[in-house]
Amino acid sequence: MQLTRLTDYGLRVLMYAALTPANRKCRIADVAESFGIPRNNVMKIVNKLANEGFIYTTRGKGGGFQLGKPETEIYIGEVVSCLEENLQIIDCESYCGCPIIPSCRLRRAFSSARVAFLQELDSYTLKDLVGSAAPLRRLLRIASR
């Protein structure tokens, strides 16, 4: 299974927000520059993450975004599920007329694998991804205060 860039970038946006001190807001331009992601992509991701409640945004001068809930309550599997449009490993329905669909065990095996994949990701929170934060803050040049 391969995840889309949107999900990859979305996780990076959340990591950046987790690394930013609570008294500061993240700016789209800063995230785009730090990760080398096109600004328009960051804007689209921030809107999606805000709609899903992972972050909240503030418009206008001094605006930006921050985590919408504690980093210990943001589960990676949940984020991936929200950002990915299609997590199916194989699309059996597109194989018109496949004669084994009604009793196909391969389809069930792939479904179980997808569930296990998301359960494993849900064993990690955003806090797990950022760890102690200091090394990542240095690499991304995020001030700790």
C-alpha atoms as a PDB file:
ATOM      1  CA  MET A   1       0.000   0.000   0.000  1.00  0.00           C
ATOM      2  CA  GLN A   2       1.322   3.410  -0.889  1.00  0.00           C
ATOM      3  CA  LEU A   3      -0.017   6.581   0.670  1.00  0.00           C
ATOM      4  CA  THR A   4      -0.491   9.778  -1.319  1.00  0.00           C
ATOM      5  CA  ARG A   5       1.659  12.871  -1.017  1.00  0.00           C
ATOM      6  CA  LEU A   6      -1.323  14.624   0.526  1.00  0.00           C
ATOM      7  CA  THR A   7      -1.120  12.281   3.510  1.00  0.00           C
ATOM      8  CA  ASP A   8       2.659  12.586   3.721  1.00  0.00           C
ATOM      9  CA  TYR A   9       2.424  16.369   3.672  1.00  0.00           C
ATOM     10  CA  GLY A  10      -0.521  16.324   6.094  1.00  0.00           C
ATOM     11  CA  LEU A  11       1.507  14.412   8.660  1.00  0.00           C
ATOM     12  CA  ARG A  12       4.380  16.874   8.220  1.00  0.00           C
ATOM     13  CA  VAL A  13       2.008  19.814   8.745  1.00  0.00           C
ATOM     14  CA  LEU A  14       0.779  18.226  11.977  1.00  0.00           C
ATOM     15  CA  MET A  15       4.342  17.545  13.122  1.00  0.00           C
ATOM     16  CA  TYR A  16       5.269  21.172  12.450  1.00  0.00           C
ATOM     17  CA  ALA A  17       2.253  22.331  14.467  1.00  0.00           C
ATOM     18  CA  ALA A  18       3.198  19.996  17.329  1.00  0.00           C
ATOM     19  CA  LEU A  19       6.740  21.384  17.340  1.00  0.00           C
ATOM     20  CA  THR A  20       5.577  25.003  17.430  1.00  0.00           C
ATOM     21  CA  PRO A  21       5.156  26.444  20.936  1.00  0.00           C
ATOM     22  CA  ALA A  22       1.524  26.693  22.041  1.00  0.00           C
ATOM     23  CA  ASN A  23       1.708  30.486  22.312  1.00  0.00           C
ATOM     24  CA  ARG A  24       2.583  30.836  18.603  1.00  0.00           C
ATOM     25  CA  LYS A  25       0.616  30.131  15.450  1.00  0.00           C
ATOM     26  CA  CYS A  26       2.049  28.277  12.471  1.00  0.00           C
ATOM     27  CA  ARG A  27       2.129  30.064   9.155  1.00  0.00           C
ATOM     28  CA  ILE A  28       1.538  28.310   5.853  1.00  0.00           C
ATOM     29  CA  ALA A  29       4.545  30.033   4.299  1.00  0.00           C
ATOM     30  CA  ASP A  30       6.844  28.765   7.062  1.00  0.00           C
ATOM     31  CA  VAL A  31       5.649  25.173   6.684  1.00  0.00           C
ATOM     32  CA  ALA A  32       5.990  25.335   2.899  1.00  0.00           C
ATOM     33  CA  GLU A  33       9.530  26.670   3.170  1.00  0.00           C
ATOM     34  CA  SER A  34      10.611  24.262   5.913  1.00  0.00           C
ATOM     35  CA  PHE A  35       9.559  21.148   4.004  1.00  0.00           C
ATOM     36  CA  GLY A  36       9.884  22.393   0.437  1.00  0.00           C
ATOM     37  CA  ILE A  37       6.172  21.827  -0.174  1.00  0.00           C
ATOM     38  CA  PRO A  38       4.282  24.084  -2.593  1.00  0.00           C
ATOM     39  CA  ARG A  39       2.343  26.702  -0.666  1.00  0.00           C
ATOM     40  CA  ASN A  40      -0.936  25.861  -2.428  1.00  0.00           C
ATOM     41  CA  ASN A  41      -0.600  22.243  -1.286  1.00  0.00           C
ATOM     42  CA  VAL A  42      -0.054  23.352   2.306  1.00  0.00           C
ATOM     43  CA  MET A  43      -3.143  25.579   2.115  1.00  0.00           C
ATOM     44  CA  LYS A  44      -5.267  22.685   0.841  1.00  0.00           C
ATOM     45  CA  ILE A  45      -3.932  20.365   3.554  1.00  0.00           C
ATOM     46  CA  VAL A  46      -4.469  22.921   6.330  1.00  0.00           C
ATOM     47  CA  ASN A  47      -8.094  23.346   5.209  1.00  0.00           C
ATOM     48  CA  LYS A  48      -8.648  19.574   5.175  1.00  0.00           C
ATOM     49  CA  LEU A  49      -7.021  19.104   8.603  1.00  0.00           C
ATOM     50  CA  ALA A  50      -9.083  21.985  10.002  1.00  0.00           C
ATOM     51  CA  ASN A  51     -12.314  20.489   8.616  1.00  0.00           C
ATOM     52  CA  GLU A  52     -11.426  17.202  10.326  1.00  0.00           C
ATOM     53  CA  GLY A  53     -10.693  18.937  13.676  1.00  0.00           C
ATOM     54  CA  PHE A  54      -6.982  18.133  13.845  1.00  0.00           C
ATOM     55  CA  ILE A  55      -6.057  21.827  13.723  1.00  0.00           C
ATOM     56  CA  TYR A  56      -7.850  25.118  14.032  1.00  0.00           C
ATOM     57  CA  THR A  57      -7.179  28.197  11.995  1.00  0.00           C
ATOM     58  CA  THR A  58      -7.308  31.919  12.581  1.00  0.00           C
ATOM     59  CA  ARG A  59      -7.685  34.314   9.670  1.00  0.00           C
ATOM     60  CA  GLY A  60      -6.293  37.772   9.176  1.00  0.00           C
ATOM     61  CA  LYS A  61      -3.237  39.578  10.430  1.00  0.00           C
ATOM     62  CA  GLY A  62      -1.520  37.463  13.047  1.00  0.00           C
ATOM     63  CA  GLY A  63      -3.501  34.462  11.868  1.00  0.00           C
ATOM     64  CA  GLY A  64      -2.264  30.957  11.283  1.00  0.00           C
ATOM     65  CA  PHE A  65      -3.030  27.528  12.626  1.00  0.00           C
ATOM     66  CA  GLN A  66      -2.453  25.418  15.735  1.00  0.00           C
ATOM     67  CA  LEU A  67      -3.251  21.900  16.831  1.00  0.00           C
ATOM     68  CA  GLY A  68      -6.943  21.402  17.460  1.00  0.00           C
ATOM     69  CA  LYS A  69      -6.346  18.862  20.215  1.00  0.00           C
ATOM     70  CA  PRO A  70      -3.387  17.600  22.249  1.00  0.00           C
ATOM     71  CA  GLU A  71      -0.718  15.749  20.278  1.00  0.00           C
ATOM     72  CA  THR A  72      -1.296  12.707  22.493  1.00  0.00           C
ATOM     73  CA  GLU A  73      -4.879  12.529  21.159  1.00  0.00           C
ATOM     74  CA  ILE A  74      -4.026  12.663  17.463  1.00  0.00           C
ATOM     75  CA  TYR A  75      -3.699   9.077  16.265  1.00  0.00           C
ATOM     76  CA  ILE A  76      -1.782   8.542  13.043  1.00  0.00           C
ATOM     77  CA  GLY A  77      -4.153   5.904  11.676  1.00  0.00           C
ATOM     78  CA  GLU A  78      -7.048   8.306  12.133  1.00  0.00           C
ATOM     79  CA  VAL A  79      -5.178  11.038  10.259  1.00  0.00           C
ATOM     80  CA  VAL A  80      -4.306   8.661   7.411  1.00  0.00           C
ATOM     81  CA  SER A  81      -7.920   7.479   7.198  1.00  0.00           C
ATOM     82  CA  CYS A  82      -9.144  11.063   6.943  1.00  0.00           C
ATOM     83  CA  LEU A  83      -6.617  12.183   4.340  1.00  0.00           C
ATOM     84  CA  GLU A  84      -6.626   9.150   2.057  1.00  0.00           C
ATOM     85  CA  GLU A  85      -9.547   8.942  -0.340  1.00  0.00           C
ATOM     86  CA  ASN A  86      -9.061   5.259  -1.066  1.00  0.00           C
ATOM     87  CA  LEU A  87      -7.337   2.860   1.284  1.00  0.00           C
ATOM     88  CA  GLN A  88      -8.345  -0.263  -0.573  1.00  0.00           C
ATOM     89  CA  ILE A  89      -5.383  -2.442  -1.481  1.00  0.00           C
ATOM     90  CA  ILE A  90      -7.156  -3.794  -4.533  1.00  0.00           C
ATOM     91  CA  ASP A  91     -10.372  -2.683  -6.189  1.00  0.00           C
ATOM     92  CA  CYS A  92     -12.217  -5.912  -6.919  1.00  0.00           C
ATOM     93  CA  GLU A  93     -15.285  -4.052  -8.110  1.00  0.00           C
ATOM     94  CA  SER A  94     -13.404  -2.662 -11.119  1.00  0.00           C
ATOM     95  CA  TYR A  95     -12.804  -6.198 -12.405  1.00  0.00           C
ATOM     96  CA  CYS A  96     -16.112  -6.515 -14.215  1.00  0.00           C
ATOM     97  CA  GLY A  97     -17.462  -9.988 -14.183  1.00  0.00           C
ATOM     98  CA  CYS A  98     -14.873 -11.571 -11.875  1.00  0.00           C
ATOM     99  CA  PRO A  99     -16.417 -14.963 -11.214  1.00  0.00           C
ATOM    100  CA  ILE A 100     -14.964 -15.477  -7.723  1.00  0.00           C
ATOM    101  CA  ILE A 101     -16.062 -12.254  -5.997  1.00  0.00           C
ATOM    102  CA  PRO A 102     -18.875 -13.907  -3.984  1.00  0.00           C
ATOM    103  CA  SER A 103     -16.473 -16.296  -2.233  1.00  0.00           C
ATOM    104  CA  CYS A 104     -13.079 -14.666  -2.737  1.00  0.00           C
ATOM    105  CA  ARG A 105     -10.755 -15.121   0.227  1.00  0.00           C
ATOM    106  CA  LEU A 106      -8.062 -12.901  -1.293  1.00  0.00           C
ATOM    107  CA  ARG A 107     -10.394  -9.942  -0.980  1.00  0.00           C
ATOM    108  CA  ARG A 108     -10.982 -10.749   2.704  1.00  0.00           C
ATOM    109  CA  ALA A 109      -7.240 -11.117   3.291  1.00  0.00           C
ATOM    110  CA  PHE A 110      -6.582  -7.675   1.802  1.00  0.00           C
ATOM    111  CA  SER A 111      -9.382  -6.193   3.865  1.00  0.00           C
ATOM    112  CA  SER A 112      -7.889  -7.693   7.045  1.00  0.00           C
ATOM    113  CA  ALA A 113      -4.454  -6.372   6.079  1.00  0.00           C
ATOM    114  CA  ARG A 114      -5.855  -2.853   5.636  1.00  0.00           C
ATOM    115  CA  VAL A 115      -7.504  -2.994   9.056  1.00  0.00           C
ATOM    116  CA  ALA A 116      -4.258  -4.245  10.655  1.00  0.00           C
ATOM    117  CA  PHE A 117      -2.294  -1.479   8.901  1.00  0.00           C
ATOM    118  CA  LEU A 118      -4.551   1.239  10.317  1.00  0.00           C
ATOM    119  CA  GLN A 119      -4.601  -0.368  13.774  1.00  0.00           C
ATOM    120  CA  GLU A 120      -0.806  -0.375  13.809  1.00  0.00           C
ATOM    121  CA  LEU A 121      -0.717   3.289  12.795  1.00  0.00           C
ATOM    122  CA  ASP A 122      -3.247   4.046  15.538  1.00  0.00           C
ATOM    123  CA  SER A 123      -0.774   2.688  18.065  1.00  0.00           C
ATOM    124  CA  TYR A 124       1.214   5.880  17.356  1.00  0.00           C
ATOM    125  CA  THR A 125       0.222   9.417  18.232  1.00  0.00           C
ATOM    126  CA  LEU A 126       1.553  12.700  16.936  1.00  0.00           C
ATOM    127  CA  LYS A 127       3.538  12.932  20.191  1.00  0.00           C
ATOM    128  CA  ASP A 128       5.309   9.679  19.253  1.00  0.00           C
ATOM    129  CA  LEU A 129       6.320  11.164  15.895  1.00  0.00           C
ATOM    130  CA  VAL A 130       7.847  14.328  17.322  1.00  0.00           C
ATOM    131  CA  GLY A 131       9.497  12.680  20.324  1.00  0.00           C
ATOM    132  CA  SER A 132      11.411  15.084  22.530  1.00  0.00           C
ATOM    133  CA  ALA A 133      11.022  17.712  19.773  1.00  0.00           C
ATOM    134  CA  ALA A 134      14.385  19.455  20.244  1.00  0.00           C
ATOM    135  CA  PRO A 135      16.233  17.742  17.354  1.00  0.00           C
ATOM    136  CA  LEU A 136      13.340  18.312  14.951  1.00  0.00           C
ATOM    137  CA  ARG A 137      12.938  21.933  16.044  1.00  0.00           C
ATOM    138  CA  ARG A 138      16.605  22.542  15.268  1.00  0.00           C
ATOM    139  CA  LEU A 139      16.341  20.917  11.843  1.00  0.00           C
ATOM    140  CA  LEU A 140      13.226  22.911  10.953  1.00  0.00           C
ATOM    141  CA  ARG A 141      14.495  26.092  12.641  1.00  0.00           C
ATOM    142  CA  ILE A 142      11.482  26.416  14.919  1.00  0.00           C
ATOM    143  CA  ALA A 143      12.175  28.501  17.994  1.00  0.00           C
ATOM    144  CA  SER A 144      11.206  26.723  21.196  1.00  0.00           C
ATOM    145  CA  ARG A 145       9.771  29.924  22.707  1.00  0.00           C
END
